Amino acid sequence: MSSFSGDETAPFFGFLGAAAALVFSCMGAAYGTAKSGVGVASMGVMRPELVMKSIVPVVMAGVLGIYGLIIAVIISTGINPKAKSYYLFDGYAHLSSGLACGLAGLSAGMAIGIVGDAGVRGSLAALAIHRHAPIIASGSAKQIVKVFSLKGEQLSIIRYYPTFMAQRIGSVSCLTFHPYRVLLAIGAADACVSIYADDTYQTR
């Protein structure tokens, strides 16, 4: 019967590398799936026909967990001190390999989640130009409306505030200006219409 061969503490570092590869990769996959999944859900409300195209970041994030699993299996199957000598060098090598794969998967998952969410939800949803006043309004699905001058200077910004008694707008679907007055109507995906005026406008 074969006995233990190598350093007794070496397998600890080897299995630690396998665990690091699997845990960190799955953390990155979970974050990327959750972050980009919010954008896919928003796209399902705004543009249902584009949901299948928007699901690509979710698939990319899910693959990261598989990468970590593969590396963890390769490392764990290579640890068998009774069949082959396993020294501290091998344990450190497997630990560094697991950390490299796991941390790379974690950072990649964070990048996929952020870019996937911004790419799906951050696109321009509506644009309006005043007929007489030199102003332009743009709205996005991220519940933000910006008003610019024709020179590109930002004049105002309207955003969602979740606090009590604050202005609330949903994902912007359409914008339009009053033809003669400085009034902006904002239509949202939640079937609400909000009307905004500049500070100098007086209600008649």
Protein backbone atom coordinates (compact mmCIF):
# COMPACT_ATOMS: atom_id res chain seq x y z
CA MET A 1 0.00 0.00 0.00
CA SER A 2 1.48 3.32 -1.07
CA SER A 3 2.21 5.92 1.59
CA PHE A 4 2.08 9.70 1.60
CA SER A 5 4.82 11.19 -0.57
CA GLY A 6 5.90 14.81 -0.45
CA ASP A 7 5.22 17.67 1.98
CA GLU A 8 2.23 17.16 4.24
CA THR A 9 1.17 20.83 4.11
CA ALA A 10 1.44 21.12 0.33
CA PRO A 11 -2.08 19.76 -0.46
CA PHE A 12 -3.57 22.51 1.71
CA PHE A 13 -2.28 25.16 -0.67
CA GLY A 14 -3.30 23.13 -3.70
CA PHE A 15 -6.89 22.71 -2.57
CA LEU A 16 -6.95 26.35 -1.53
CA GLY A 17 -6.10 27.26 -5.12
CA ALA A 18 -8.91 25.04 -6.40
CA ALA A 19 -11.37 26.67 -4.02
CA ALA A 20 -10.18 30.16 -4.96
CA ALA A 21 -10.65 29.45 -8.67
CA LEU A 22 -14.19 28.20 -8.17
CA VAL A 23 -15.36 30.72 -5.56
CA PHE A 24 -14.03 33.90 -7.16
CA SER A 25 -15.14 32.87 -10.65
CA CYS A 26 -18.65 32.15 -9.40
CA MET A 27 -18.70 35.48 -7.58
CA GLY A 28 -17.86 37.24 -10.83
CA ALA A 29 -20.45 35.20 -12.72
CA ALA A 30 -23.11 36.01 -10.12
CA TYR A 31 -22.37 39.74 -10.14
CA GLY A 32 -22.27 39.92 -13.93
CA THR A 33 -25.54 38.00 -14.24
CA ALA A 34 -27.33 40.12 -11.65
CA LYS A 35 -26.06 43.46 -12.95
CA SER A 36 -26.71 42.78 -16.63
CA GLY A 37 -29.98 40.97 -15.82
CA VAL A 38 -31.45 44.23 -14.54
CA GLY A 39 -30.78 45.79 -17.93
CA VAL A 40 -32.37 42.84 -19.71
CA ALA A 41 -35.49 43.19 -17.55
CA SER A 42 -35.65 46.89 -18.38
CA MET A 43 -35.27 46.12 -22.07
CA GLY A 44 -38.15 43.65 -21.80
CA VAL A 45 -40.38 46.57 -20.84
CA MET A 46 -38.98 49.10 -23.32
CA ARG A 47 -38.19 46.95 -26.39
CA PRO A 48 -39.40 43.36 -25.98
CA GLU A 49 -38.23 42.41 -29.46
CA LEU A 50 -34.58 43.03 -28.42
CA VAL A 51 -34.56 40.85 -25.31
CA MET A 52 -32.76 37.93 -27.00
CA LYS A 53 -29.99 40.22 -28.24
CA SER A 54 -29.65 41.80 -24.80
CA ILE A 55 -29.14 38.42 -23.12
CA VAL A 56 -25.58 38.06 -24.46
CA PRO A 57 -23.93 39.64 -21.35
CA VAL A 58 -25.83 37.20 -19.12
CA VAL A 59 -24.49 34.23 -21.10
CA MET A 60 -20.95 35.63 -21.04
CA ALA A 61 -21.11 36.08 -17.28
CA GLY A 62 -22.41 32.56 -16.74
CA VAL A 63 -19.50 31.05 -18.68
CA LEU A 64 -17.05 32.49 -16.13
CA GLY A 65 -18.30 30.07 -13.48
CA ILE A 66 -17.62 27.17 -15.84
CA TYR A 67 -14.03 28.37 -16.33
CA GLY A 68 -13.49 28.36 -12.59
CA LEU A 69 -15.02 24.88 -12.30
CA ILE A 70 -12.72 23.49 -14.99
CA ILE A 71 -9.59 24.89 -13.33
CA ALA A 72 -10.75 23.63 -9.92
CA VAL A 73 -11.23 20.11 -11.30
CA ILE A 74 -7.83 20.15 -13.00
CA ILE A 75 -6.11 21.27 -9.79
CA SER A 76 -7.93 18.83 -7.50
CA THR A 77 -7.30 15.83 -9.75
CA GLY A 78 -3.60 16.71 -9.79
CA ILE A 79 -3.38 16.40 -6.00
CA ASN A 80 -2.78 12.74 -5.11
CA PRO A 81 0.25 12.47 -2.81
CA LYS A 82 -0.12 8.68 -2.49
CA ALA A 83 0.31 8.15 -6.22
CA LYS A 84 2.74 10.97 -6.98
CA SER A 85 4.99 13.12 -4.84
CA TYR A 86 3.38 16.47 -4.03
CA TYR A 87 5.71 19.16 -2.72
CA LEU A 88 5.24 22.77 -1.63
CA PHE A 89 6.30 23.89 -5.08
CA ASP A 90 3.30 22.10 -6.57
CA GLY A 91 0.98 23.49 -3.90
CA TYR A 92 2.16 27.06 -4.50
CA ALA A 93 1.84 26.59 -8.26
CA HIS A 94 -1.75 25.37 -7.93
CA LEU A 95 -2.57 28.17 -5.47
CA SER A 96 -1.28 30.84 -7.83
CA SER A 97 -3.09 29.24 -10.77
CA GLY A 98 -6.36 29.15 -8.85
CA LEU A 99 -6.02 32.74 -7.69
CA ALA A 100 -5.16 33.90 -11.20
CA CYS A 101 -8.23 32.20 -12.69
CA GLY A 102 -10.55 33.21 -9.86
CA LEU A 103 -9.57 36.87 -9.67
CA ALA A 104 -9.59 37.16 -13.45
CA GLY A 105 -13.11 35.71 -13.48
CA LEU A 106 -14.20 38.11 -10.73
CA SER A 107 -12.90 41.18 -12.54
CA ALA A 108 -14.31 39.99 -15.85
CA GLY A 109 -17.72 39.42 -14.26
CA MET A 110 -17.73 42.93 -12.82
CA ALA A 111 -16.80 44.40 -16.19
CA ILE A 112 -19.43 42.35 -18.03
CA GLY A 113 -22.10 43.38 -15.54
CA ILE A 114 -21.33 47.09 -15.67
CA VAL A 115 -20.92 47.27 -19.44
CA GLY A 116 -23.88 44.98 -20.09
CA ASP A 117 -26.19 47.06 -17.94
CA ALA A 118 -24.99 50.38 -19.34
CA GLY A 119 -25.06 49.14 -22.92
CA VAL A 120 -28.62 47.90 -22.67
CA ARG A 121 -30.19 50.61 -20.57
CA GLY A 122 -28.01 53.63 -21.26
CA SER A 123 -28.87 54.13 -24.91
CA LEU A 124 -30.77 57.16 -26.11
CA ALA A 125 -34.51 56.53 -25.93
CA ALA A 126 -35.99 59.88 -27.02
CA LEU A 127 -34.92 63.25 -28.44
CA ALA A 128 -36.81 66.51 -28.81
CA ILE A 129 -35.88 69.92 -30.28
CA HIS A 130 -37.81 73.07 -29.50
CA ARG A 131 -39.31 74.73 -32.56
CA HIS A 132 -38.25 78.27 -31.60
CA ALA A 133 -36.08 78.17 -28.45
CA PRO A 134 -32.44 77.00 -28.89
CA ILE A 135 -32.75 73.96 -26.64
CA ILE A 136 -32.60 70.19 -27.07
CA ALA A 137 -33.83 67.49 -24.68
CA SER A 138 -32.63 63.89 -24.61
CA GLY A 139 -34.01 61.03 -22.52
CA SER A 140 -32.70 57.57 -21.71
CA ALA A 141 -34.09 54.38 -20.26
CA LYS A 142 -32.08 55.05 -17.09
CA GLN A 143 -34.72 57.57 -15.95
CA ILE A 144 -32.66 60.63 -16.88
CA VAL A 145 -33.60 63.59 -19.08
CA LYS A 146 -30.98 66.18 -20.02
CA VAL A 147 -31.62 69.58 -21.58
CA PHE A 148 -28.89 71.15 -23.72
CA SER A 149 -28.40 74.34 -25.65
CA LEU A 150 -27.61 74.19 -29.35
CA LYS A 151 -23.96 74.80 -28.43
CA GLY A 152 -23.88 71.59 -26.40
CA GLU A 153 -23.99 73.23 -22.95
CA GLN A 154 -26.02 71.28 -20.41
CA LEU A 155 -28.76 73.52 -19.06
CA SER A 156 -30.68 71.15 -16.81
CA ILE A 157 -31.05 67.53 -15.80
CA ILE A 158 -34.16 65.69 -14.65
CA ARG A 159 -33.58 62.40 -12.90
CA TYR A 160 -35.44 59.91 -10.75
CA TYR A 161 -35.37 60.56 -7.00
CA PRO A 162 -36.72 57.72 -4.82
CA THR A 163 -37.30 59.94 -1.78
CA PHE A 164 -40.75 60.86 -0.52
CA MET A 165 -42.49 63.77 -2.30
CA ALA A 166 -39.72 63.94 -4.93
CA GLN A 167 -40.12 64.03 -8.68
CA ARG A 168 -40.55 60.57 -10.13
CA ILE A 169 -40.07 59.62 -13.76
CA GLY A 170 -39.89 56.16 -15.24
CA SER A 171 -37.89 54.90 -18.20
CA VAL A 172 -38.29 57.65 -20.78
CA SER A 173 -40.12 56.60 -23.93
CA CYS A 174 -40.91 59.94 -25.63
CA LEU A 175 -40.24 63.68 -25.32
CA THR A 176 -41.91 66.71 -26.84
CA PHE A 177 -41.74 70.48 -26.41
CA HIS A 178 -44.63 72.92 -26.49
CA PRO A 179 -44.45 74.63 -29.88
CA TYR A 180 -44.37 78.18 -28.45
CA ARG A 181 -43.69 77.92 -24.71
CA VAL A 182 -40.74 76.46 -22.85
CA LEU A 183 -42.63 73.41 -21.62
CA LEU A 184 -41.34 69.86 -21.84
CA ALA A 185 -43.60 66.82 -21.69
CA ILE A 186 -41.99 63.51 -20.72
CA GLY A 187 -43.69 60.20 -21.42
CA ALA A 188 -42.50 57.19 -19.46
CA ALA A 189 -42.85 53.45 -19.89
CA ASP A 190 -45.04 53.29 -16.79
CA ALA A 191 -47.83 55.18 -18.65
CA CYS A 192 -47.14 58.45 -16.79
CA VAL A 193 -46.67 61.85 -18.42
CA SER A 194 -44.81 64.66 -16.63
CA ILE A 195 -44.66 68.31 -17.71
CA TYR A 196 -41.72 70.51 -16.77
CA ALA A 197 -41.18 74.26 -17.21
CA ASP A 198 -38.24 76.58 -16.69
CA ASP A 199 -37.93 78.72 -13.57
CA THR A 200 -39.22 81.87 -15.31
CA TYR A 201 -42.43 80.28 -16.58
CA GLN A 202 -45.64 81.53 -14.94
CA THR A 203 -48.78 79.43 -14.94
CA ARG A 204 -51.73 81.14 -16.58
